[in-house]
Amino acid sequence: MRRPFALLVALIGAAVLLTGCDSVAPAAFACKVDVASADLVEDREAAGIASCQTIPATGTDTGLPAIQLDCLGEQGSVRLNAIKGPAVLNFWASNCGPCRKEMPALQEFHAAYGDQVRVIGVNYLDTYPGAAIELARMSGVTYPSIADACGDLQKTDAELGPGLPFFLFVSADGTVSRPHVGGVTSADEVVALVRDQLGIDLSAKAAK
């Protein structure tokens, strides 16, 4: 049974759904968001969302910022520039309408090609982690997400998208693409992006 609190925050997130979300920091206050409380850990595990500990790390730094980001719904953190490619980083939030629409397509891609190109969510500028996990559950998402609730990435030299959702693509050699504005509606669109951004033709591999 879903806890009333989880449902409440999910409703709050749904109530403020936007057609898109500007990449702006939360209001000026001392931002402190617990993304790994006991309830959130239980909800993530019950939803079948993978642990951040499954994200492979590389021995050499990538072009991503050297910043530690918390795991969403899990104790621990991930050093962003240690994420091993090839990988697709999808920046999303629970109050972002296009994010809600594209998550099933990302999950479909993950189920079909996740062993070749990882999908990693980045729950970005989202101060409702309970709503975020509930959205991932309702979308059937099983790939892991890390969290930047307070916009720490904005304090780095990272090139970020103008709004949510957006993608960053990390190649096997650690090269990071320019931000690509999201809004995909099918796994085939993600396959095409991976071909264009990473030079990996998954459609050809699937045809063999």
Protein backbone atom coordinates (compact mmCIF):
# COMPACT_ATOMS: atom_id res chain seq x y z
CA MET A 1 0.00 0.00 0.00
CA ARG A 2 1.30 3.42 -0.90
CA ARG A 3 1.81 5.71 2.09
CA PRO A 4 -0.47 8.78 2.25
CA PHE A 5 2.61 11.02 2.33
CA ALA A 6 3.97 9.62 -0.92
CA LEU A 7 0.60 10.08 -2.58
CA LEU A 8 0.28 13.60 -1.19
CA VAL A 9 3.61 14.78 -2.59
CA ALA A 10 2.80 13.09 -5.89
CA LEU A 11 -0.43 15.06 -6.06
CA ILE A 12 1.43 18.25 -5.22
CA GLY A 13 3.88 17.55 -8.04
CA ALA A 14 1.05 16.77 -10.46
CA ALA A 15 -0.80 19.94 -9.49
CA VAL A 16 2.09 22.09 -10.65
CA LEU A 17 2.82 20.27 -13.91
CA LEU A 18 4.13 22.63 -16.55
CA THR A 19 4.44 22.34 -20.33
CA GLY A 20 8.15 22.81 -19.70
CA CYS A 21 10.40 23.75 -16.82
CA ASP A 22 12.91 26.56 -16.77
CA SER A 23 16.38 25.68 -15.49
CA VAL A 24 16.38 28.17 -12.67
CA ALA A 25 17.44 27.63 -9.10
CA PRO A 26 14.81 27.33 -6.36
CA ALA A 27 13.88 30.49 -4.50
CA ALA A 28 16.70 32.09 -2.56
CA PHE A 29 16.77 30.21 0.70
CA ALA A 30 19.02 27.70 2.40
CA CYS A 31 18.11 24.72 0.23
CA LYS A 32 18.23 21.42 2.05
CA VAL A 33 16.30 18.48 0.63
CA ASP A 34 16.52 14.95 2.00
CA VAL A 35 16.39 12.68 -1.06
CA ALA A 36 17.21 9.49 0.86
CA SER A 37 14.92 9.33 3.89
CA ALA A 38 13.85 5.87 5.07
CA ASP A 39 10.43 6.29 3.44
CA LEU A 40 11.98 7.31 0.11
CA VAL A 41 14.40 4.39 0.17
CA GLU A 42 11.48 2.03 0.80
CA ASP A 43 9.46 3.59 -2.02
CA ARG A 44 12.34 3.35 -4.52
CA GLU A 45 12.97 -0.28 -3.67
CA ALA A 46 9.26 -1.15 -3.87
CA ALA A 47 9.08 0.51 -7.30
CA GLY A 48 11.94 -1.65 -8.59
CA ILE A 49 14.12 1.34 -9.44
CA ALA A 50 17.77 0.31 -9.70
CA SER A 51 20.36 1.33 -7.16
CA CYS A 52 22.82 4.08 -8.05
CA GLN A 53 25.52 1.61 -7.08
CA THR A 54 24.83 -0.15 -10.40
CA ILE A 55 26.17 2.87 -12.30
CA PRO A 56 29.64 1.87 -13.53
CA ALA A 57 32.54 4.17 -12.75
CA THR A 58 35.45 4.89 -15.05
CA GLY A 59 39.08 5.03 -14.02
CA THR A 60 39.60 8.35 -15.79
CA ASP A 61 37.60 11.55 -15.44
CA THR A 62 35.04 12.43 -18.10
CA GLY A 63 34.05 15.86 -19.32
CA LEU A 64 31.31 16.07 -16.68
CA PRO A 65 31.84 18.26 -13.59
CA ALA A 66 33.73 16.79 -10.65
CA ILE A 67 30.77 16.97 -8.29
CA GLN A 68 29.15 14.48 -5.94
CA LEU A 69 25.40 14.11 -6.40
CA ASP A 70 23.15 12.18 -4.04
CA CYS A 71 21.33 9.07 -5.15
CA LEU A 72 17.56 9.52 -5.41
CA GLY A 73 15.88 7.31 -2.82
CA GLU A 74 19.12 5.80 -1.57
CA GLN A 75 21.91 6.58 0.83
CA GLY A 76 25.12 7.37 -1.01
CA SER A 77 26.27 9.55 -3.87
CA VAL A 78 27.78 9.39 -7.34
CA ARG A 79 30.75 11.40 -8.58
CA LEU A 80 29.40 12.77 -11.80
CA ASN A 81 32.67 12.85 -13.76
CA ALA A 82 33.30 9.21 -12.88
CA ILE A 83 30.24 7.91 -14.75
CA LYS A 84 31.41 5.48 -17.40
CA GLY A 85 30.08 5.86 -20.92
CA PRO A 86 28.45 5.20 -23.20
CA ALA A 87 25.57 6.65 -21.25
CA VAL A 88 22.49 8.82 -21.68
CA LEU A 89 21.87 11.31 -18.86
CA ASN A 90 18.27 12.51 -18.78
CA PHE A 91 17.61 15.62 -16.68
CA TRP A 92 14.05 15.65 -15.38
CA ALA A 93 11.75 16.79 -12.57
CA SER A 94 8.40 15.72 -11.17
CA ASN A 95 6.78 19.07 -12.09
CA CYS A 96 7.81 18.88 -15.75
CA GLY A 97 5.11 17.82 -18.22
CA PRO A 98 7.43 16.78 -21.10
CA CYS A 99 9.50 14.74 -18.63
CA ARG A 100 6.39 12.81 -17.65
CA LYS A 101 5.60 12.07 -21.28
CA GLU A 102 9.06 10.85 -22.27
CA MET A 103 9.90 8.61 -19.31
CA PRO A 104 8.09 5.50 -20.71
CA ALA A 105 10.10 5.87 -23.94
CA LEU A 106 13.35 6.08 -21.97
CA GLN A 107 12.35 2.99 -20.00
CA GLU A 108 11.60 1.15 -23.26
CA PHE A 109 15.06 2.10 -24.53
CA HIS A 110 16.63 1.03 -21.23
CA ALA A 111 14.90 -2.37 -21.36
CA ALA A 112 16.05 -2.99 -24.93
CA TYR A 113 19.53 -1.43 -24.98
CA GLY A 114 20.54 -0.68 -21.39
CA ASP A 115 23.28 -3.31 -21.51
CA GLN A 116 24.93 -1.35 -24.34
CA VAL A 117 24.12 2.27 -23.47
CA ARG A 118 23.17 3.16 -19.91
CA VAL A 119 20.24 5.40 -19.06
CA ILE A 120 20.75 7.51 -15.93
CA GLY A 121 18.20 9.97 -14.66
CA VAL A 122 19.23 13.26 -13.05
CA ASN A 123 16.34 14.56 -10.94
CA TYR A 124 17.14 18.23 -11.33
CA LEU A 125 15.95 21.28 -9.33
CA ASP A 126 13.19 19.12 -7.85
CA THR A 127 12.41 19.70 -4.17
CA TYR A 128 9.76 16.98 -4.05
CA PRO A 129 11.74 13.70 -4.13
CA GLY A 130 8.67 11.73 -3.04
CA ALA A 131 6.76 12.97 -6.07
CA ALA A 132 9.77 12.20 -8.28
CA ILE A 133 9.93 8.58 -7.13
CA GLU A 134 6.17 8.25 -7.50
CA LEU A 135 6.36 9.57 -11.07
CA ALA A 136 9.15 7.11 -11.88
CA ARG A 137 7.07 4.28 -10.40
CA MET A 138 3.96 5.22 -12.37
CA SER A 139 6.08 5.44 -15.53
CA GLY A 140 7.49 1.94 -14.98
CA VAL A 141 11.03 3.29 -14.73
CA THR A 142 13.69 0.89 -13.45
CA TYR A 143 16.89 2.77 -14.40
CA PRO A 144 18.58 4.69 -11.54
CA SER A 145 18.40 8.41 -10.87
CA ILE A 146 20.73 10.74 -9.04
CA ALA A 147 19.49 14.03 -7.60
CA ASP A 148 20.50 17.68 -7.73
CA ALA A 149 17.56 19.16 -5.85
CA CYS A 150 19.30 22.44 -5.02
CA GLY A 151 20.97 23.06 -8.37
CA ASP A 152 24.57 22.48 -7.34
CA LEU A 153 25.42 21.91 -11.01
CA GLN A 154 24.62 25.54 -11.67
CA LYS A 155 27.65 26.46 -9.56
CA THR A 156 29.97 24.54 -11.90
CA ASP A 157 31.06 25.25 -15.47
CA ALA A 158 28.69 22.57 -16.77
CA GLU A 159 26.79 23.43 -19.94
CA LEU A 160 23.17 22.75 -19.13
CA GLY A 161 19.97 22.87 -21.10
CA PRO A 162 17.75 25.97 -21.19
CA GLY A 163 14.91 24.01 -19.62
CA LEU A 164 13.73 20.52 -18.75
CA PRO A 165 13.92 17.88 -19.99
CA PHE A 166 17.33 17.74 -21.63
CA PHE A 167 19.99 15.12 -22.31
CA LEU A 168 23.75 14.85 -22.01
CA PHE A 169 25.47 11.97 -23.81
CA VAL A 170 28.71 10.52 -22.42
CA SER A 171 30.87 8.56 -24.87
CA ALA A 172 33.07 5.61 -24.00
CA ASP A 173 36.14 7.88 -24.05
CA GLY A 174 34.52 10.35 -21.63
CA THR A 175 33.56 13.02 -24.15
CA VAL A 176 30.33 14.81 -23.21
CA SER A 177 27.90 16.19 -25.78
CA ARG A 178 26.33 19.62 -25.75
CA PRO A 179 22.89 19.58 -24.06
CA HIS A 180 20.12 18.22 -26.25
CA VAL A 181 16.59 19.38 -25.45
CA GLY A 182 14.40 16.38 -24.71
CA GLY A 183 10.82 15.54 -25.50
CA VAL A 184 11.27 12.07 -27.04
CA THR A 185 8.17 9.97 -27.54
CA SER A 186 9.63 6.59 -28.49
CA ALA A 187 12.61 4.34 -27.92
CA ASP A 188 13.42 4.68 -31.63
CA GLU A 189 13.97 8.42 -31.12
CA VAL A 190 16.47 7.66 -28.37
CA VAL A 191 18.19 5.14 -30.65
CA ALA A 192 18.51 7.90 -33.27
CA LEU A 193 19.93 10.33 -30.71
CA VAL A 194 22.47 7.74 -29.57
CA ARG A 195 23.54 7.25 -33.18
CA ASP A 196 23.87 10.99 -33.76
CA GLN A 197 25.48 11.91 -30.44
CA LEU A 198 27.59 8.84 -29.65
CA GLY A 199 28.12 7.26 -33.06
CA ILE A 200 26.59 3.96 -31.91
CA ASP A 201 24.12 2.39 -34.31
CA LEU A 202 21.95 0.28 -32.04
CA SER A 203 19.38 -0.33 -34.77
CA ALA A 204 22.01 -2.13 -36.84
CA LYS A 205 22.99 -4.27 -33.87
CA ALA A 206 19.35 -5.12 -33.15
CA ALA A 207 18.85 -6.23 -36.76
CA LYS A 208 21.59 -8.86 -36.56
